[in-house]
Amino acid sequence: MIISNKQVQNILHLERINSLKKKAAYRETAAIEKSDSLVLSGRAQELNFAKEQALKSPEVRADKILELKQKITSGDYQVSGNDIAAKMIGRSLVDELTGR
């Protein structure tokens, strides 16, 4: 699965939100009596986010695959070094956030 820059930004945003939620939840529990509640772990929230992204993703696009195969075969498929570097950095961030 290829992860886009937008997805990396979504994950970083989710991490910030989770941190703020944890701080707010801690303050609330300190101020009021404890009651039954459900708090999902960070890992459960990550999995839920990944599931949502997968469900939003389009199915296999055979036309795009065929087009890329033809470009590769003919030698017309060119990718800039900047694009490769951006993908490597994005994947590295995601791996770091997910603990891989």
N, C-alpha and C. Protein backbone atom coordinates (compact mmCIF):
# COMPACT_ATOMS: atom_id res chain seq x y z
N MET A 1 0.85 -1.17 0.00
CA MET A 1 0.00 0.00 0.00
C MET A 1 0.89 1.23 0.00
N ILE A 2 0.66 2.14 -0.90
CA ILE A 2 1.44 3.36 -0.98
C ILE A 2 0.71 4.43 -0.18
N ILE A 3 1.45 5.14 0.61
CA ILE A 3 0.87 6.16 1.48
C ILE A 3 1.21 7.53 0.92
N SER A 4 0.18 8.33 0.69
CA SER A 4 0.38 9.66 0.11
C SER A 4 0.78 10.67 1.17
N ASN A 5 1.25 11.81 0.71
CA ASN A 5 1.61 12.88 1.63
C ASN A 5 0.40 13.32 2.45
N LYS A 6 -0.77 13.33 1.82
CA LYS A 6 -1.99 13.71 2.52
C LYS A 6 -2.28 12.73 3.66
N GLN A 7 -2.07 11.46 3.42
CA GLN A 7 -2.30 10.46 4.46
C GLN A 7 -1.30 10.63 5.59
N VAL A 8 -0.06 10.97 5.27
CA VAL A 8 0.95 11.22 6.31
C VAL A 8 0.51 12.40 7.15
N GLN A 9 0.05 13.46 6.49
CA GLN A 9 -0.41 14.64 7.23
C GLN A 9 -1.63 14.29 8.09
N ASN A 10 -2.52 13.44 7.58
CA ASN A 10 -3.69 13.02 8.37
C ASN A 10 -3.25 12.25 9.61
N ILE A 11 -2.26 11.40 9.47
CA ILE A 11 -1.77 10.62 10.61
C ILE A 11 -1.13 11.54 11.63
N LEU A 12 -0.32 12.49 11.18
CA LEU A 12 0.30 13.44 12.10
C LEU A 12 -0.77 14.27 12.82
N HIS A 13 -1.79 14.67 12.07
CA HIS A 13 -2.90 15.43 12.68
C HIS A 13 -3.62 14.57 13.71
N LEU A 14 -3.84 13.31 13.39
CA LEU A 14 -4.50 12.40 14.32
C LEU A 14 -3.68 12.23 15.59
N GLU A 15 -2.37 12.15 15.46
CA GLU A 15 -1.51 12.02 16.63
C GLU A 15 -1.62 13.25 17.53
N ARG A 16 -1.67 14.44 16.91
CA ARG A 16 -1.82 15.66 17.70
C ARG A 16 -3.16 15.67 18.42
N ILE A 17 -4.21 15.28 17.73
CA ILE A 17 -5.55 15.23 18.34
C ILE A 17 -5.57 14.23 19.48
N ASN A 18 -4.97 13.06 19.28
CA ASN A 18 -4.93 12.04 20.34
C ASN A 18 -4.21 12.57 21.57
N SER A 19 -3.13 13.28 21.38
CA SER A 19 -2.39 13.84 22.51
C SER A 19 -3.25 14.83 23.28
N LEU A 20 -3.95 15.69 22.54
CA LEU A 20 -4.83 16.67 23.21
C LEU A 20 -5.98 15.98 23.93
N LYS A 21 -6.53 14.94 23.33
CA LYS A 21 -7.63 14.21 23.95
C LYS A 21 -7.18 13.54 25.24
N LYS A 22 -5.97 12.96 25.21
CA LYS A 22 -5.45 12.31 26.41
C LYS A 22 -5.28 13.31 27.55
N LYS A 23 -4.76 14.49 27.22
CA LYS A 23 -4.58 15.52 28.24
C LYS A 23 -5.92 15.97 28.79
N ALA A 24 -6.92 16.15 27.90
CA ALA A 24 -8.24 16.58 28.35
C ALA A 24 -8.89 15.49 29.20
N ALA A 25 -8.74 14.25 28.81
CA ALA A 25 -9.33 13.14 29.57
C ALA A 25 -8.70 13.05 30.95
N TYR A 26 -7.42 13.27 31.04
CA TYR A 26 -6.74 13.24 32.34
C TYR A 26 -7.28 14.35 33.25
N ARG A 27 -7.42 15.55 32.70
CA ARG A 27 -7.94 16.66 33.50
C ARG A 27 -9.37 16.39 33.96
N GLU A 28 -10.19 15.81 33.08
CA GLU A 28 -11.58 15.52 33.44
C GLU A 28 -11.66 14.49 34.56
N THR A 29 -10.85 13.43 34.46
CA THR A 29 -10.91 12.39 35.49
C THR A 29 -10.39 12.91 36.82
N ALA A 30 -9.49 13.85 36.79
CA ALA A 30 -8.98 14.41 38.04
C ALA A 30 -10.03 15.32 38.68
N ALA A 31 -10.90 15.92 37.87
CA ALA A 31 -11.86 16.89 38.38
C ALA A 31 -13.20 16.25 38.80
N ILE A 32 -13.56 15.12 38.24
CA ILE A 32 -14.86 14.50 38.54
C ILE A 32 -14.66 13.07 39.03
N GLU A 33 -15.75 12.51 39.55
CA GLU A 33 -15.69 11.12 39.99
C GLU A 33 -15.50 10.22 38.77
N LYS A 34 -14.86 9.12 39.02
CA LYS A 34 -14.66 8.17 37.93
C LYS A 34 -15.97 7.47 37.62
N SER A 35 -16.20 7.28 36.34
CA SER A 35 -17.39 6.55 35.89
C SER A 35 -16.96 5.62 34.77
N ASP A 36 -17.85 4.72 34.39
CA ASP A 36 -17.53 3.80 33.32
C ASP A 36 -17.34 4.57 32.02
N SER A 37 -16.31 4.20 31.29
CA SER A 37 -16.06 4.85 30.00
C SER A 37 -15.23 3.92 29.14
N LEU A 38 -15.21 4.23 27.88
CA LEU A 38 -14.42 3.46 26.92
C LEU A 38 -13.41 4.40 26.29
N VAL A 39 -12.15 4.06 26.42
CA VAL A 39 -11.09 4.84 25.81
C VAL A 39 -10.29 3.89 24.94
N LEU A 40 -10.25 4.20 23.66
CA LEU A 40 -9.50 3.35 22.73
C LEU A 40 -8.02 3.67 22.84
N SER A 41 -7.22 2.65 22.77
CA SER A 41 -5.77 2.85 22.80
C SER A 41 -5.33 3.56 21.52
N GLY A 42 -4.14 4.08 21.56
CA GLY A 42 -3.59 4.74 20.37
C GLY A 42 -3.52 3.78 19.20
N ARG A 43 -3.15 2.54 19.49
CA ARG A 43 -3.05 1.52 18.42
C ARG A 43 -4.43 1.26 17.81
N ALA A 44 -5.47 1.17 18.66
CA ALA A 44 -6.83 0.93 18.15
C ALA A 44 -7.28 2.11 17.29
N GLN A 45 -6.94 3.32 17.70
CA GLN A 45 -7.30 4.49 16.91
C GLN A 45 -6.56 4.51 15.58
N GLU A 46 -5.29 4.10 15.59
CA GLU A 46 -4.52 4.02 14.34
C GLU A 46 -5.14 3.01 13.38
N LEU A 47 -5.51 1.85 13.92
CA LEU A 47 -6.12 0.83 13.08
C LEU A 47 -7.45 1.31 12.52
N ASN A 48 -8.23 2.01 13.33
CA ASN A 48 -9.50 2.54 12.86
C ASN A 48 -9.27 3.55 11.74
N PHE A 49 -8.26 4.42 11.91
CA PHE A 49 -7.93 5.40 10.89
C PHE A 49 -7.49 4.71 9.60
N ALA A 50 -6.64 3.69 9.72
CA ALA A 50 -6.17 2.96 8.54
C ALA A 50 -7.33 2.28 7.82
N LYS A 51 -8.26 1.72 8.59
CA LYS A 51 -9.43 1.07 8.00
C LYS A 51 -10.27 2.09 7.22
N GLU A 52 -10.48 3.27 7.81
CA GLU A 52 -11.25 4.31 7.14
C GLU A 52 -10.58 4.72 5.83
N GLN A 53 -9.25 4.88 5.86
CA GLN A 53 -8.52 5.27 4.65
C GLN A 53 -8.61 4.19 3.58
N ALA A 54 -8.53 2.93 4.00
CA ALA A 54 -8.61 1.83 3.04
C ALA A 54 -9.99 1.78 2.40
N LEU A 55 -11.02 2.03 3.19
CA LEU A 55 -12.38 2.01 2.65
C LEU A 55 -12.62 3.18 1.70
N LYS A 56 -11.92 4.29 1.91
CA LYS A 56 -12.06 5.46 1.03
C LYS A 56 -11.29 5.28 -0.28
N SER A 57 -10.27 4.41 -0.26
CA SER A 57 -9.42 4.22 -1.42
C SER A 57 -10.18 3.52 -2.54
N PRO A 58 -9.91 3.92 -3.78
CA PRO A 58 -10.57 3.25 -4.89
C PRO A 58 -10.04 1.84 -5.08
N GLU A 59 -10.84 1.01 -5.72
CA GLU A 59 -10.42 -0.34 -6.03
C GLU A 59 -9.29 -0.28 -7.07
N VAL A 60 -8.76 -1.41 -7.43
CA VAL A 60 -7.67 -1.47 -8.41
C VAL A 60 -8.12 -0.82 -9.71
N ARG A 61 -7.27 0.06 -10.20
CA ARG A 61 -7.59 0.75 -11.46
C ARG A 61 -6.79 0.10 -12.58
N ALA A 62 -7.42 -0.85 -13.25
CA ALA A 62 -6.75 -1.63 -14.29
C ALA A 62 -6.23 -0.73 -15.40
N ASP A 63 -6.96 0.33 -15.74
CA ASP A 63 -6.51 1.23 -16.80
C ASP A 63 -5.20 1.92 -16.43
N LYS A 64 -5.09 2.31 -15.17
CA LYS A 64 -3.86 2.98 -14.71
C LYS A 64 -2.68 2.00 -14.70
N ILE A 65 -2.94 0.77 -14.26
CA ILE A 65 -1.90 -0.26 -14.24
C ILE A 65 -1.40 -0.54 -15.65
N LEU A 66 -2.32 -0.68 -16.60
CA LEU A 66 -1.95 -0.94 -17.99
C LEU A 66 -1.12 0.22 -18.55
N GLU A 67 -1.55 1.45 -18.27
CA GLU A 67 -0.83 2.63 -18.75
C GLU A 67 0.60 2.66 -18.20
N LEU A 68 0.76 2.37 -16.91
CA LEU A 68 2.10 2.36 -16.31
C LEU A 68 2.97 1.24 -16.87
N LYS A 69 2.38 0.06 -17.07
CA LYS A 69 3.14 -1.05 -17.65
C LYS A 69 3.66 -0.68 -19.04
N GLN A 70 2.81 -0.03 -19.82
CA GLN A 70 3.23 0.37 -21.18
C GLN A 70 4.35 1.40 -21.13
N LYS A 71 4.26 2.35 -20.21
CA LYS A 71 5.32 3.37 -20.08
C LYS A 71 6.63 2.74 -19.64
N ILE A 72 6.57 1.80 -18.70
CA ILE A 72 7.78 1.13 -18.23
C ILE A 72 8.41 0.32 -19.35
N THR A 73 7.59 -0.41 -20.08
CA THR A 73 8.08 -1.24 -21.18
C THR A 73 8.73 -0.40 -22.27
N SER A 74 8.11 0.75 -22.59
CA SER A 74 8.65 1.59 -23.66
C SER A 74 9.80 2.49 -23.19
N GLY A 75 10.04 2.54 -21.88
CA GLY A 75 11.11 3.37 -21.35
C GLY A 75 10.70 4.82 -21.13
N ASP A 76 9.41 5.11 -21.22
CA ASP A 76 8.91 6.47 -21.06
C ASP A 76 8.53 6.81 -19.62
N TYR A 77 8.64 5.87 -18.72
CA TYR A 77 8.25 6.12 -17.32
C TYR A 77 9.41 6.78 -16.60
N GLN A 78 9.23 8.02 -16.20
CA GLN A 78 10.26 8.80 -15.53
C GLN A 78 9.73 9.31 -14.20
N VAL A 79 10.52 9.15 -13.17
CA VAL A 79 10.17 9.66 -11.84
C VAL A 79 11.31 10.55 -11.37
N SER A 80 10.96 11.73 -10.87
CA SER A 80 12.01 12.65 -10.43
C SER A 80 12.59 12.20 -9.09
N GLY A 81 13.83 12.59 -8.86
CA GLY A 81 14.48 12.28 -7.59
C GLY A 81 13.75 12.92 -6.42
N ASN A 82 13.18 14.10 -6.64
CA ASN A 82 12.42 14.77 -5.57
C ASN A 82 11.20 13.96 -5.18
N ASP A 83 10.50 13.40 -6.17
CA ASP A 83 9.33 12.58 -5.87
C ASP A 83 9.71 11.34 -5.05
N ILE A 84 10.81 10.71 -5.44
CA ILE A 84 11.28 9.52 -4.73
C ILE A 84 11.65 9.88 -3.29
N ALA A 85 12.38 10.98 -3.13
CA ALA A 85 12.79 11.41 -1.79
C ALA A 85 11.58 11.74 -0.92
N ALA A 86 10.59 12.41 -1.48
CA ALA A 86 9.39 12.76 -0.72
C ALA A 86 8.66 11.51 -0.24
N LYS A 87 8.56 10.51 -1.11
CA LYS A 87 7.90 9.25 -0.72
C LYS A 87 8.69 8.53 0.37
N MET A 88 10.02 8.53 0.25
CA MET A 88 10.85 7.87 1.25
C MET A 88 10.70 8.53 2.62
N ILE A 89 10.69 9.86 2.63
CA ILE A 89 10.53 10.59 3.89
C ILE A 89 9.15 10.34 4.47
N GLY A 90 8.12 10.39 3.63
CA GLY A 90 6.76 10.14 4.09
C GLY A 90 6.61 8.76 4.70
N ARG A 91 7.15 7.77 4.02
CA ARG A 91 7.08 6.40 4.55
C ARG A 91 7.85 6.27 5.86
N SER A 92 8.99 6.94 5.94
CA SER A 92 9.79 6.89 7.16
C SER A 92 9.01 7.48 8.33
N LEU A 93 8.31 8.59 8.10
CA LEU A 93 7.48 9.20 9.15
C LEU A 93 6.37 8.26 9.60
N VAL A 94 5.71 7.65 8.64
CA VAL A 94 4.63 6.73 8.97
C VAL A 94 5.16 5.54 9.75
N ASP A 95 6.30 5.00 9.32
CA ASP A 95 6.89 3.86 10.03
C ASP A 95 7.24 4.27 11.46
N GLU A 96 7.77 5.47 11.62
CA GLU A 96 8.14 5.93 12.96
C GLU A 96 6.89 6.07 13.85
N LEU A 97 5.83 6.63 13.29
CA LEU A 97 4.61 6.83 14.05
C LEU A 97 3.92 5.51 14.41
N THR A 98 4.02 4.54 13.54
CA THR A 98 3.35 3.27 13.78
C THR A 98 4.26 2.27 14.48
N GLY A 99 5.50 2.65 14.73
CA GLY A 99 6.42 1.78 15.47
C GLY A 99 6.95 0.60 14.68
N ARG A 100 7.04 0.76 13.38
CA ARG A 100 7.55 -0.34 12.54
C ARG A 100 9.04 -0.32 12.47
